[in-house]
Amino acid sequence: MLLVKKIFSVVVLGMFVSGCVGGARQVLTKVESELTETIALVKHLNDVQARAYLAVPCAIDLGAYHRVLSPDEQRAADVLCGGSGEKPVSVEDIRRARELMNLIDSPDR
């Protein structure tokens, strides 16, 4: 919201200072350029945030791992993230587990 107010202020100030259509056009062109850059920056930051969220389940501090997690939660983190000599769970592993559960729950058995 602050960015929108800032841009609006620049546009209004530019129109008053310029006093002509040509000056207003220059101000609007500059605002459009700044908005384009801002949108690109926000998209980039969203991409960085998405990458961080993908890593979050396995980005636990070692001290927190031992202080906060119960033994069952520690084991789950080990299996999921590859701790304690475990191989990390892959998407393929999850697909296979789901397939197995579907077979077990199948009414045809």
PDB file of N, CA and C in Angstrom:
ATOM      1  N   MET A   1       0.821  -1.186   0.000  1.00  0.00           N
ATOM      2  CA  MET A   1       0.000   0.000   0.000  1.00  0.00           C
ATOM      3  C   MET A   1       0.868   1.254   0.000  1.00  0.00           C
ATOM      4  N   LEU A   2       1.958   1.231   0.745  1.00  0.00           N
ATOM      5  CA  LEU A   2       2.868   2.364   0.793  1.00  0.00           C
ATOM      6  C   LEU A   2       3.451   2.636  -0.589  1.00  0.00           C
ATOM      7  N   LEU A   3       3.764   1.581  -1.320  1.00  0.00           N
ATOM      8  CA  LEU A   3       4.318   1.727  -2.666  1.00  0.00           C
ATOM      9  C   LEU A   3       3.308   2.411  -3.588  1.00  0.00           C
ATOM     10  N   VAL A   4       2.043   2.030  -3.491  1.00  0.00           N
ATOM     11  CA  VAL A   4       1.003   2.632  -4.327  1.00  0.00           C
ATOM     12  C   VAL A   4       0.862   4.112  -4.002  1.00  0.00           C
ATOM     13  N   LYS A   5       0.879   4.463  -2.716  1.00  0.00           N
ATOM     14  CA  LYS A   5       0.796   5.879  -2.325  1.00  0.00           C
ATOM     15  C   LYS A   5       1.990   6.665  -2.852  1.00  0.00           C
ATOM     16  N   LYS A   6       3.169   6.054  -2.772  1.00  0.00           N
ATOM     17  CA  LYS A   6       4.384   6.720  -3.261  1.00  0.00           C
ATOM     18  C   LYS A   6       4.288   6.967  -4.760  1.00  0.00           C
ATOM     19  N   ILE A   7       3.850   5.968  -5.487  1.00  0.00           N
ATOM     20  CA  ILE A   7       3.738   6.111  -6.941  1.00  0.00           C
ATOM     21  C   ILE A   7       2.699   7.167  -7.292  1.00  0.00           C
ATOM     22  N   PHE A   8       1.564   7.131  -6.607  1.00  0.00           N
ATOM     23  CA  PHE A   8       0.520   8.128  -6.858  1.00  0.00           C
ATOM     24  C   PHE A   8       1.033   9.531  -6.582  1.00  0.00           C
ATOM     25  N   SER A   9       1.768   9.696  -5.505  1.00  0.00           N
ATOM     26  CA  SER A   9       2.339  11.011  -5.166  1.00  0.00           C
ATOM     27  C   SER A   9       3.289  11.491  -6.247  1.00  0.00           C
ATOM     28  N   VAL A  10       4.112  10.582  -6.763  1.00  0.00           N
ATOM     29  CA  VAL A  10       5.059  10.945  -7.826  1.00  0.00           C
ATOM     30  C   VAL A  10       4.300  11.387  -9.066  1.00  0.00           C
ATOM     31  N   VAL A  11       3.235  10.670  -9.405  1.00  0.00           N
ATOM     32  CA  VAL A  11       2.447  11.022 -10.590  1.00  0.00           C
ATOM     33  C   VAL A  11       1.822  12.402 -10.427  1.00  0.00           C
ATOM     34  N   VAL A  12       1.168  12.632  -9.294  1.00  0.00           N
ATOM     35  CA  VAL A  12       0.500  13.927  -9.060  1.00  0.00           C
ATOM     36  C   VAL A  12       1.526  15.051  -9.029  1.00  0.00           C
ATOM     37  N   LEU A  13       2.614  14.857  -8.311  1.00  0.00           N
ATOM     38  CA  LEU A  13       3.652  15.880  -8.235  1.00  0.00           C
ATOM     39  C   LEU A  13       4.222  16.170  -9.619  1.00  0.00           C
ATOM     40  N   GLY A  14       4.457  15.138 -10.368  1.00  0.00           N
ATOM     41  CA  GLY A  14       4.994  15.318 -11.720  1.00  0.00           C
ATOM     42  C   GLY A  14       4.066  16.112 -12.611  1.00  0.00           C
ATOM     43  N   MET A  15       2.773  15.867 -12.484  1.00  0.00           N
ATOM     44  CA  MET A  15       1.813  16.608 -13.313  1.00  0.00           C
ATOM     45  C   MET A  15       1.767  18.082 -12.928  1.00  0.00           C
ATOM     46  N   PHE A  16       1.837  18.351 -11.632  1.00  0.00           N
ATOM     47  CA  PHE A  16       1.825  19.747 -11.199  1.00  0.00           C
ATOM     48  C   PHE A  16       3.109  20.462 -11.600  1.00  0.00           C
ATOM     49  N   VAL A  17       4.235  19.789 -11.426  1.00  0.00           N
ATOM     50  CA  VAL A  17       5.523  20.414 -11.737  1.00  0.00           C
ATOM     51  C   VAL A  17       5.666  20.631 -13.234  1.00  0.00           C
ATOM     52  N   SER A  18       5.278  19.654 -13.998  1.00  0.00           N
ATOM     53  CA  SER A  18       5.490  19.754 -15.443  1.00  0.00           C
ATOM     54  C   SER A  18       4.539  20.753 -16.079  1.00  0.00           C
ATOM     55  N   GLY A  19       3.286  20.735 -15.656  1.00  0.00           N
ATOM     56  CA  GLY A  19       2.327  21.694 -16.187  1.00  0.00           C
ATOM     57  C   GLY A  19       1.976  21.472 -17.636  1.00  0.00           C
ATOM     58  N   CYS A  20       2.370  20.373 -18.195  1.00  0.00           N
ATOM     59  CA  CYS A  20       2.037  20.127 -19.592  1.00  0.00           C
ATOM     60  C   CYS A  20       1.881  18.632 -19.833  1.00  0.00           C
ATOM     61  N   VAL A  21       1.296  18.308 -20.963  1.00  0.00           N
ATOM     62  CA  VAL A  21       1.029  16.911 -21.304  1.00  0.00           C
ATOM     63  C   VAL A  21       2.327  16.145 -21.498  1.00  0.00           C
ATOM     64  N   GLY A  22       3.306  16.757 -22.142  1.00  0.00           N
ATOM     65  CA  GLY A  22       4.580  16.085 -22.375  1.00  0.00           C
ATOM     66  C   GLY A  22       5.255  15.692 -21.079  1.00  0.00           C
ATOM     67  N   GLY A  23       5.253  16.581 -20.115  1.00  0.00           N
ATOM     68  CA  GLY A  23       5.846  16.293 -18.811  1.00  0.00           C
ATOM     69  C   GLY A  23       5.086  15.196 -18.080  1.00  0.00           C
ATOM     70  N   ALA A  24       3.769  15.235 -18.174  1.00  0.00           N
ATOM     71  CA  ALA A  24       2.947  14.206 -17.529  1.00  0.00           C
ATOM     72  C   ALA A  24       3.225  12.852 -18.167  1.00  0.00           C
ATOM     73  N   ARG A  25       3.405  12.847 -19.471  1.00  0.00           N
ATOM     74  CA  ARG A  25       3.696  11.590 -20.176  1.00  0.00           C
ATOM     75  C   ARG A  25       5.023  11.010 -19.699  1.00  0.00           C
ATOM     76  N   GLN A  26       6.017  11.877 -19.498  1.00  0.00           N
ATOM     77  CA  GLN A  26       7.317  11.415 -19.003  1.00  0.00           C
ATOM     78  C   GLN A  26       7.183  10.816 -17.609  1.00  0.00           C
ATOM     79  N   VAL A  27       6.401  11.474 -16.764  1.00  0.00           N
ATOM     80  CA  VAL A  27       6.202  10.985 -15.407  1.00  0.00           C
ATOM     81  C   VAL A  27       5.501   9.631 -15.446  1.00  0.00           C
ATOM     82  N   LEU A  28       4.472   9.517 -16.253  1.00  0.00           N
ATOM     83  CA  LEU A  28       3.742   8.247 -16.345  1.00  0.00           C
ATOM     84  C   LEU A  28       4.628   7.137 -16.891  1.00  0.00           C
ATOM     85  N   THR A  29       5.494   7.461 -17.836  1.00  0.00           N
ATOM     86  CA  THR A  29       6.429   6.469 -18.372  1.00  0.00           C
ATOM     87  C   THR A  29       7.388   5.995 -17.290  1.00  0.00           C
ATOM     88  N   LYS A  30       7.876   6.935 -16.493  1.00  0.00           N
ATOM     89  CA  LYS A  30       8.776   6.578 -15.388  1.00  0.00           C
ATOM     90  C   LYS A  30       8.058   5.709 -14.365  1.00  0.00           C
ATOM     91  N   VAL A  31       6.817   6.066 -14.028  1.00  0.00           N
ATOM     92  CA  VAL A  31       6.047   5.277 -13.067  1.00  0.00           C
ATOM     93  C   VAL A  31       5.804   3.869 -13.610  1.00  0.00           C
ATOM     94  N   GLU A  32       5.468   3.783 -14.880  1.00  0.00           N
ATOM     95  CA  GLU A  32       5.243   2.468 -15.489  1.00  0.00           C
ATOM     96  C   GLU A  32       6.511   1.620 -15.431  1.00  0.00           C
ATOM     97  N   SER A  33       7.645   2.244 -15.699  1.00  0.00           N
ATOM     98  CA  SER A  33       8.922   1.529 -15.629  1.00  0.00           C
ATOM     99  C   SER A  33       9.202   1.043 -14.210  1.00  0.00           C
ATOM    100  N   GLU A  34       8.964   1.906 -13.226  1.00  0.00           N
ATOM    101  CA  GLU A  34       9.190   1.518 -11.835  1.00  0.00           C
ATOM    102  C   GLU A  34       8.236   0.402 -11.407  1.00  0.00           C
ATOM    103  N   LEU A  35       6.993   0.468 -11.863  1.00  0.00           N
ATOM    104  CA  LEU A  35       6.043  -0.599 -11.544  1.00  0.00           C
ATOM    105  C   LEU A  35       6.474  -1.925 -12.161  1.00  0.00           C
ATOM    106  N   THR A  36       6.953  -1.891 -13.386  1.00  0.00           N
ATOM    107  CA  THR A  36       7.428  -3.102 -14.049  1.00  0.00           C
ATOM    108  C   THR A  36       8.592  -3.712 -13.283  1.00  0.00           C
ATOM    109  N   GLU A  37       9.528  -2.867 -12.849  1.00  0.00           N
ATOM    110  CA  GLU A  37      10.664  -3.347 -12.059  1.00  0.00           C
ATOM    111  C   GLU A  37      10.201  -3.909 -10.719  1.00  0.00           C
ATOM    112  N   THR A  38       9.243  -3.248 -10.090  1.00  0.00           N
ATOM    113  CA  THR A  38       8.737  -3.704  -8.791  1.00  0.00           C
ATOM    114  C   THR A  38       8.044  -5.051  -8.932  1.00  0.00           C
ATOM    115  N   ILE A  39       7.250  -5.213  -9.970  1.00  0.00           N
ATOM    116  CA  ILE A  39       6.566  -6.490 -10.200  1.00  0.00           C
ATOM    117  C   ILE A  39       7.586  -7.602 -10.420  1.00  0.00           C
ATOM    118  N   ALA A  40       8.625  -7.328 -11.194  1.00  0.00           N
ATOM    119  CA  ALA A  40       9.675  -8.331 -11.424  1.00  0.00           C
ATOM    120  C   ALA A  40      10.376  -8.692 -10.114  1.00  0.00           C
ATOM    121  N   LEU A  41      10.635  -7.697  -9.272  1.00  0.00           N
ATOM    122  CA  LEU A  41      11.277  -7.946  -7.979  1.00  0.00           C
ATOM    123  C   LEU A  41      10.387  -8.798  -7.082  1.00  0.00           C
ATOM    124  N   VAL A  42       9.096  -8.481  -7.035  1.00  0.00           N
ATOM    125  CA  VAL A  42       8.165  -9.257  -6.207  1.00  0.00           C
ATOM    126  C   VAL A  42       8.108 -10.705  -6.696  1.00  0.00           C
ATOM    127  N   LYS A  43       8.072 -10.906  -8.006  1.00  0.00           N
ATOM    128  CA  LYS A  43       8.061 -12.267  -8.549  1.00  0.00           C
ATOM    129  C   LYS A  43       9.333 -13.013  -8.143  1.00  0.00           C
ATOM    130  N   HIS A  44      10.474 -12.328  -8.237  1.00  0.00           N
ATOM    131  CA  HIS A  44      11.741 -12.950  -7.849  1.00  0.00           C
ATOM    132  C   HIS A  44      11.721 -13.330  -6.367  1.00  0.00           C
ATOM    133  N   LEU A  45      11.264 -12.427  -5.524  1.00  0.00           N
ATOM    134  CA  LEU A  45      11.196 -12.712  -4.091  1.00  0.00           C
ATOM    135  C   LEU A  45      10.240 -13.865  -3.797  1.00  0.00           C
ATOM    136  N   ASN A  46       9.139 -13.940  -4.517  1.00  0.00           N
ATOM    137  CA  ASN A  46       8.215 -15.065  -4.355  1.00  0.00           C
ATOM    138  C   ASN A  46       8.874 -16.380  -4.756  1.00  0.00           C
ATOM    139  N   ASP A  47       9.686 -16.358  -5.810  1.00  0.00           N
ATOM    140  CA  ASP A  47      10.407 -17.563  -6.235  1.00  0.00           C
ATOM    141  C   ASP A  47      11.409 -17.999  -5.167  1.00  0.00           C
ATOM    142  N   VAL A  48      12.124 -17.037  -4.590  1.00  0.00           N
ATOM    143  CA  VAL A  48      13.083 -17.348  -3.529  1.00  0.00           C
ATOM    144  C   VAL A  48      12.343 -17.923  -2.322  1.00  0.00           C
ATOM    145  N   GLN A  49      11.216 -17.325  -1.983  1.00  0.00           N
ATOM    146  CA  GLN A  49      10.420 -17.807  -0.859  1.00  0.00           C
ATOM    147  C   GLN A  49       9.931 -19.236  -1.119  1.00  0.00           C
ATOM    148  N   ALA A  50       9.499 -19.528  -2.330  1.00  0.00           N
ATOM    149  CA  ALA A  50       9.028 -20.876  -2.660  1.00  0.00           C
ATOM    150  C   ALA A  50      10.154 -21.895  -2.498  1.00  0.00           C
ATOM    151  N   ARG A  51      11.362 -21.541  -2.940  1.00  0.00           N
ATOM    152  CA  ARG A  51      12.497 -22.458  -2.775  1.00  0.00           C
ATOM    153  C   ARG A  51      12.798 -22.695  -1.292  1.00  0.00           C
ATOM    154  N   ALA A  52      12.682 -21.646  -0.500  1.00  0.00           N
ATOM    155  CA  ALA A  52      12.936 -21.789   0.937  1.00  0.00           C
ATOM    156  C   ALA A  52      11.893 -22.691   1.579  1.00  0.00           C
ATOM    157  N   TYR A  53      10.632 -22.539   1.184  1.00  0.00           N
ATOM    158  CA  TYR A  53       9.577 -23.380   1.754  1.00  0.00           C
ATOM    159  C   TYR A  53       9.799 -24.852   1.421  1.00  0.00           C
ATOM    160  N   LEU A  54      10.361 -25.132   0.252  1.00  0.00           N
ATOM    161  CA  LEU A  54      10.642 -26.522  -0.103  1.00  0.00           C
ATOM    162  C   LEU A  54      11.688 -27.122   0.825  1.00  0.00           C
ATOM    163  N   ALA A  55      12.613 -26.308   1.299  1.00  0.00           N
ATOM    164  CA  ALA A  55      13.687 -26.800   2.157  1.00  0.00           C
ATOM    165  C   ALA A  55      13.322 -26.802   3.636  1.00  0.00           C
ATOM    166  N   VAL A  56      12.253 -26.118   4.003  1.00  0.00           N
ATOM    167  CA  VAL A  56      11.915 -25.932   5.412  1.00  0.00           C
ATOM    168  C   VAL A  56      11.769 -27.235   6.199  1.00  0.00           C
ATOM    169  N   PRO A  57      11.087 -28.258   5.696  1.00  0.00           N
ATOM    170  CA  PRO A  57      10.918 -29.448   6.538  1.00  0.00           C
ATOM    171  C   PRO A  57      12.246 -30.043   7.020  1.00  0.00           C
ATOM    172  N   CYS A  58      13.293 -29.854   6.261  1.00  0.00           N
ATOM    173  CA  CYS A  58      14.579 -30.446   6.632  1.00  0.00           C
ATOM    174  C   CYS A  58      15.586 -29.400   7.106  1.00  0.00           C
ATOM    175  N   ALA A  59      15.131 -28.192   7.369  1.00  0.00           N
ATOM    176  CA  ALA A  59      16.038 -27.120   7.778  1.00  0.00           C
ATOM    177  C   ALA A  59      15.965 -26.880   9.273  1.00  0.00           C
ATOM    178  N   ILE A  60      15.892 -27.942  10.049  1.00  0.00           N
ATOM    179  CA  ILE A  60      15.779 -27.813  11.499  1.00  0.00           C
ATOM    180  C   ILE A  60      17.173 -27.753  12.115  1.00  0.00           C
ATOM    181  N   ASP A  61      17.331 -26.904  13.092  1.00  0.00           N
ATOM    182  CA  ASP A  61      18.580 -26.769  13.820  1.00  0.00           C
ATOM    183  C   ASP A  61      18.826 -28.038  14.636  1.00  0.00           C
ATOM    184  N   LEU A  62      20.069 -28.469  14.724  1.00  0.00           N
ATOM    185  CA  LEU A  62      20.404 -29.696  15.446  1.00  0.00           C
ATOM    186  C   LEU A  62      19.978 -29.625  16.907  1.00  0.00           C
ATOM    187  N   GLY A  63      20.195 -28.481  17.552  1.00  0.00           N
ATOM    188  CA  GLY A  63      19.788 -28.324  18.943  1.00  0.00           C
ATOM    189  C   GLY A  63      18.283 -28.430  19.103  1.00  0.00           C
ATOM    190  N   ALA A  64      17.541 -27.792  18.207  1.00  0.00           N
ATOM    191  CA  ALA A  64      16.075 -27.864  18.258  1.00  0.00           C
ATOM    192  C   ALA A  64      15.602 -29.287  18.012  1.00  0.00           C
ATOM    193  N   TYR A  65      16.294 -29.976  17.147  1.00  0.00           N
ATOM    194  CA  TYR A  65      15.962 -31.373  16.858  1.00  0.00           C
ATOM    195  C   TYR A  65      15.939 -32.179  18.153  1.00  0.00           C
ATOM    196  N   HIS A  66      16.946 -31.999  18.999  1.00  0.00           N
ATOM    197  CA  HIS A  66      17.034 -32.768  20.240  1.00  0.00           C
ATOM    198  C   HIS A  66      16.191 -32.177  21.372  1.00  0.00           C
ATOM    199  N   ARG A  67      16.007 -30.854  21.405  1.00  0.00           N
ATOM    200  CA  ARG A  67      15.253 -30.223  22.489  1.00  0.00           C
ATOM    201  C   ARG A  67      13.750 -30.351  22.310  1.00  0.00           C
ATOM    202  N   VAL A  68      13.290 -30.155  21.096  1.00  0.00           N
ATOM    203  CA  VAL A  68      11.865 -29.971  20.860  1.00  0.00           C
ATOM    204  C   VAL A  68      11.158 -31.235  20.380  1.00  0.00           C
ATOM    205  N   LEU A  69      11.800 -31.967  19.512  1.00  0.00           N
ATOM    206  CA  LEU A  69      11.123 -33.109  18.915  1.00  0.00           C
ATOM    207  C   LEU A  69      11.103 -34.310  19.858  1.00  0.00           C
ATOM    208  N   SER A  70       9.964 -34.981  19.854  1.00  0.00           N
ATOM    209  CA  SER A  70       9.860 -36.234  20.604  1.00  0.00           C
ATOM    210  C   SER A  70      10.642 -37.303  19.839  1.00  0.00           C
ATOM    211  N   PRO A  71      10.921 -38.440  20.455  1.00  0.00           N
ATOM    212  CA  PRO A  71      11.625 -39.507  19.734  1.00  0.00           C
ATOM    213  C   PRO A  71      10.916 -39.921  18.437  1.00  0.00           C
ATOM    214  N   ASP A  72       9.581 -39.974  18.456  1.00  0.00           N
ATOM    215  CA  ASP A  72       8.843 -40.319  17.233  1.00  0.00           C
ATOM    216  C   ASP A  72       9.005 -39.238  16.168  1.00  0.00           C
ATOM    217  N   GLU A  73       8.969 -37.967  16.599  1.00  0.00           N
ATOM    218  CA  GLU A  73       9.156 -36.868  15.646  1.00  0.00           C
ATOM    219  C   GLU A  73      10.587 -36.854  15.106  1.00  0.00           C
ATOM    220  N   GLN A  74      11.557 -37.163  15.959  1.00  0.00           N
ATOM    221  CA  GLN A  74      12.947 -37.252  15.501  1.00  0.00           C
ATOM    222  C   GLN A  74      13.077 -38.341  14.442  1.00  0.00           C
ATOM    223  N   ARG A  75      12.448 -39.476  14.686  1.00  0.00           N
ATOM    224  CA  ARG A  75      12.511 -40.586  13.728  1.00  0.00           C
ATOM    225  C   ARG A  75      11.864 -40.177  12.407  1.00  0.00           C
ATOM    226  N   ALA A  76      10.726 -39.488  12.483  1.00  0.00           N
ATOM    227  CA  ALA A  76      10.051 -39.027  11.263  1.00  0.00           C
ATOM    228  C   ALA A  76      10.934 -38.046  10.498  1.00  0.00           C
ATOM    229  N   ALA A  77      11.590 -37.127  11.206  1.00  0.00           N
ATOM    230  CA  ALA A  77      12.497 -36.178  10.552  1.00  0.00           C
ATOM    231  C   ALA A  77      13.679 -36.908   9.936  1.00  0.00           C
ATOM    232  N   ASP A  78      14.200 -37.928  10.624  1.00  0.00           N
ATOM    233  CA  ASP A  78      15.308 -38.723  10.072  1.00  0.00           C
ATOM    234  C   ASP A  78      14.907 -39.395   8.766  1.00  0.00           C
ATOM    235  N   VAL A  79      13.733 -39.992   8.761  1.00  0.00           N
ATOM    236  CA  VAL A  79      13.268 -40.701   7.567  1.00  0.00           C
ATOM    237  C   VAL A  79      13.004 -39.713   6.433  1.00  0.00           C
ATOM    238  N   LEU A  80      12.343 -38.604   6.756  1.00  0.00           N
ATOM    239  CA  LEU A  80      11.992 -37.626   5.727  1.00  0.00           C
ATOM    240  C   LEU A  80      13.220 -36.926   5.155  1.00  0.00           C
ATOM    241  N   CYS A  81      14.146 -36.559   6.020  1.00  0.00           N
ATOM    242  CA  CYS A  81      15.254 -35.697   5.608  1.00  0.00           C
ATOM    243  C   CYS A  81      16.588 -36.412   5.443  1.00  0.00           C
ATOM    244  N   GLY A  82      16.644 -37.695   5.724  1.00  0.00           N
ATOM    245  CA  GLY A  82      17.882 -38.425   5.540  1.00  0.00           C
ATOM    246  C   GLY A  82      18.829 -38.332   6.710  1.00  0.00           C
ATOM    247  N   GLY A  83      18.319 -38.148   7.921  1.00  0.00           N
ATOM    248  CA  GLY A  83      19.170 -38.096   9.100  1.00  0.00           C
ATOM    249  C   GLY A  83      19.476 -39.484   9.636  1.00  0.00           C
ATOM    250  N   SER A  84      20.432 -39.580  10.534  1.00  0.00           N
ATOM    251  CA  SER A  84      20.829 -40.844  11.173  1.00  0.00           C
ATOM    252  C   SER A  84      21.107 -41.938  10.160  1.00  0.00           C
ATOM    253  N   GLY A  85      21.757 -41.592   9.080  1.00  0.00           N
ATOM    254  CA  GLY A  85      22.132 -42.582   8.077  1.00  0.00           C
ATOM    255  C   GLY A  85      20.995 -43.024   7.172  1.00  0.00           C
ATOM    256  N   GLU A  86      19.832 -42.393   7.308  1.00  0.00           N
ATOM    257  CA  GLU A  86      18.690 -42.736   6.456  1.00  0.00           C
ATOM    258  C   GLU A  86      18.849 -42.122   5.073  1.00  0.00           C
ATOM    259  N   LYS A  87      18.253 -42.761   4.102  1.00  0.00           N
ATOM    260  CA  LYS A  87      18.151 -42.182   2.762  1.00  0.00           C
ATOM    261  C   LYS A  87      16.900 -41.298   2.780  1.00  0.00           C
ATOM    262  N   PRO A  88      16.980 -40.046   2.333  1.00  0.00           N
ATOM    263  CA  PRO A  88      15.795 -39.180   2.360  1.00  0.00           C
ATOM    264  C   PRO A  88      14.646 -39.779   1.547  1.00  0.00           C
ATOM    265  N   VAL A  89      13.427 -39.508   1.987  1.00  0.00           N
ATOM    266  CA  VAL A  89      12.235 -39.965   1.272  1.00  0.00           C
ATOM    267  C   VAL A  89      12.135 -39.168  -0.022  1.00  0.00           C
ATOM    268  N   SER A  90      11.868 -39.860  -1.095  1.00  0.00           N
ATOM    269  CA  SER A  90      11.715 -39.204  -2.397  1.00  0.00           C
ATOM    270  C   SER A  90      10.243 -39.161  -2.786  1.00  0.00           C
ATOM    271  N   VAL A  91       9.961 -38.402  -3.802  1.00  0.00           N
ATOM    272  CA  VAL A  91       8.600 -38.338  -4.325  1.00  0.00           C
ATOM    273  C   VAL A  91       8.184 -39.722  -4.821  1.00  0.00           C
ATOM    274  N   GLU A  92       9.096 -40.436  -5.406  1.00  0.00           N
ATOM    275  CA  GLU A  92       8.808 -41.795  -5.886  1.00  0.00           C
ATOM    276  C   GLU A  92       8.451 -42.715  -4.714  1.00  0.00           C
ATOM    277  N   ASP A  93       9.139 -42.575  -3.592  1.00  0.00           N
ATOM    278  CA  ASP A  93       8.816 -43.370  -2.404  1.00  0.00           C
ATOM    279  C   ASP A  93       7.382 -43.099  -1.945  1.00  0.00           C
ATOM    280  N   ILE A  94       7.001 -41.843  -1.957  1.00  0.00           N
ATOM    281  CA  ILE A  94       5.647 -41.469  -1.536  1.00  0.00           C
ATOM    282  C   ILE A  94       4.620 -42.028  -2.513  1.00  0.00           C
ATOM    283  N   ARG A  95       4.924 -41.966  -3.807  1.00  0.00           N
ATOM    284  CA  ARG A  95       4.016 -42.521  -4.812  1.00  0.00           C
ATOM    285  C   ARG A  95       3.827 -44.015  -4.600  1.00  0.00           C
ATOM    286  N   ARG A  96       4.920 -44.721  -4.351  1.00  0.00           N
ATOM    287  CA  ARG A  96       4.838 -46.160  -4.120  1.00  0.00           C
ATOM    288  C   ARG A  96       4.035 -46.476  -2.855  1.00  0.00           C
ATOM    289  N   ALA A  97       4.248 -45.707  -1.799  1.00  0.00           N
ATOM    290  CA  ALA A  97       3.507 -45.934  -0.555  1.00  0.00           C
ATOM    291  C   ALA A  97       2.016 -45.705  -0.775  1.00  0.00           C
ATOM    292  N   ARG A  98       1.671 -44.663  -1.512  1.00  0.00           N
ATOM    293  CA  ARG A  98       0.266 -44.389  -1.810  1.00  0.00           C
ATOM    294  C   ARG A  98      -0.335 -45.525  -2.627  1.00  0.00           C
ATOM    295  N   GLU A  99       0.413 -45.986  -3.610  1.00  0.00           N
ATOM    296  CA  GLU A  99      -0.051 -47.096  -4.439  1.00  0.00           C
ATOM    297  C   GLU A  99      -0.275 -48.355  -3.587  1.00  0.00           C
ATOM    298  N   LEU A 100       0.653 -48.622  -2.683  1.00  0.00           N
ATOM    299  CA  LEU A 100       0.526 -49.769  -1.790  1.00  0.00           C
ATOM    300  C   LEU A 100      -0.708 -49.632  -0.898  1.00  0.00           C
ATOM    301  N   MET A 101      -0.929 -48.440  -0.338  1.00  0.00           N
ATOM    302  CA  MET A 101      -2.091 -48.220   0.518  1.00  0.00           C
ATOM    303  C   MET A 101      -3.392 -48.396  -0.270  1.00  0.00           C
ATOM    304  N   ASN A 102      -3.405 -47.943  -1.518  1.00  0.00           N
ATOM    305  CA  ASN A 102      -4.587 -48.137  -2.355  1.00  0.00           C
ATOM    306  C   ASN A 102      -4.851 -49.614  -2.597  1.00  0.00           C
ATOM    307  N   LEU A 103      -3.798 -50.390  -2.799  1.00  0.00           N
ATOM    308  CA  LEU A 103      -3.959 -51.821  -3.005  1.00  0.00           C
ATOM    309  C   LEU A 103      -4.477 -52.500  -1.743  1.00  0.00           C
ATOM    310  N   ILE A 104      -3.961 -52.078  -0.600  1.00  0.00           N
ATOM    311  CA  ILE A 104      -4.393 -52.665   0.664  1.00  0.00           C
ATOM    312  C   ILE A 104      -5.857 -52.329   0.947  1.00  0.00           C
ATOM    313  N   ASP A 105      -6.241 -51.098   0.628  1.00  0.00           N
ATOM    314  CA  ASP A 105      -7.616 -50.643   0.910  1.00  0.00           C
ATOM    315  C   ASP A 105      -8.609 -51.065  -0.172  1.00  0.00           C
ATOM    316  N   SER A 106      -8.128 -51.704  -1.222  1.00  0.00           N
ATOM    317  CA  SER A 106      -8.984 -52.087  -2.342  1.00  0.00           C
ATOM    318  C   SER A 106     -10.071 -53.059  -1.896  1.00  0.00           C
ATOM    319  N   PRO A 107     -11.322 -52.837  -2.305  1.00  0.00           N
ATOM    320  CA  PRO A 107     -12.397 -53.732  -1.903  1.00  0.00           C
ATOM    321  C   PRO A 107     -12.331 -55.102  -2.611  1.00  0.00           C
ATOM    322  N   ASP A 108     -11.492 -55.232  -3.621  1.00  0.00           N
ATOM    323  CA  ASP A 108     -11.390 -56.475  -4.374  1.00  0.00           C
ATOM    324  C   ASP A 108     -10.566 -57.546  -3.669  1.00  0.00           C
ATOM    325  N   ARG A 109      -9.939 -57.238  -2.552  1.00  0.00           N
ATOM    326  CA  ARG A 109      -9.070 -58.230  -1.930  1.00  0.00           C
ATOM    327  C   ARG A 109      -9.819 -59.173  -1.063  1.00  0.00           C
TER     328      ARG A 109
END
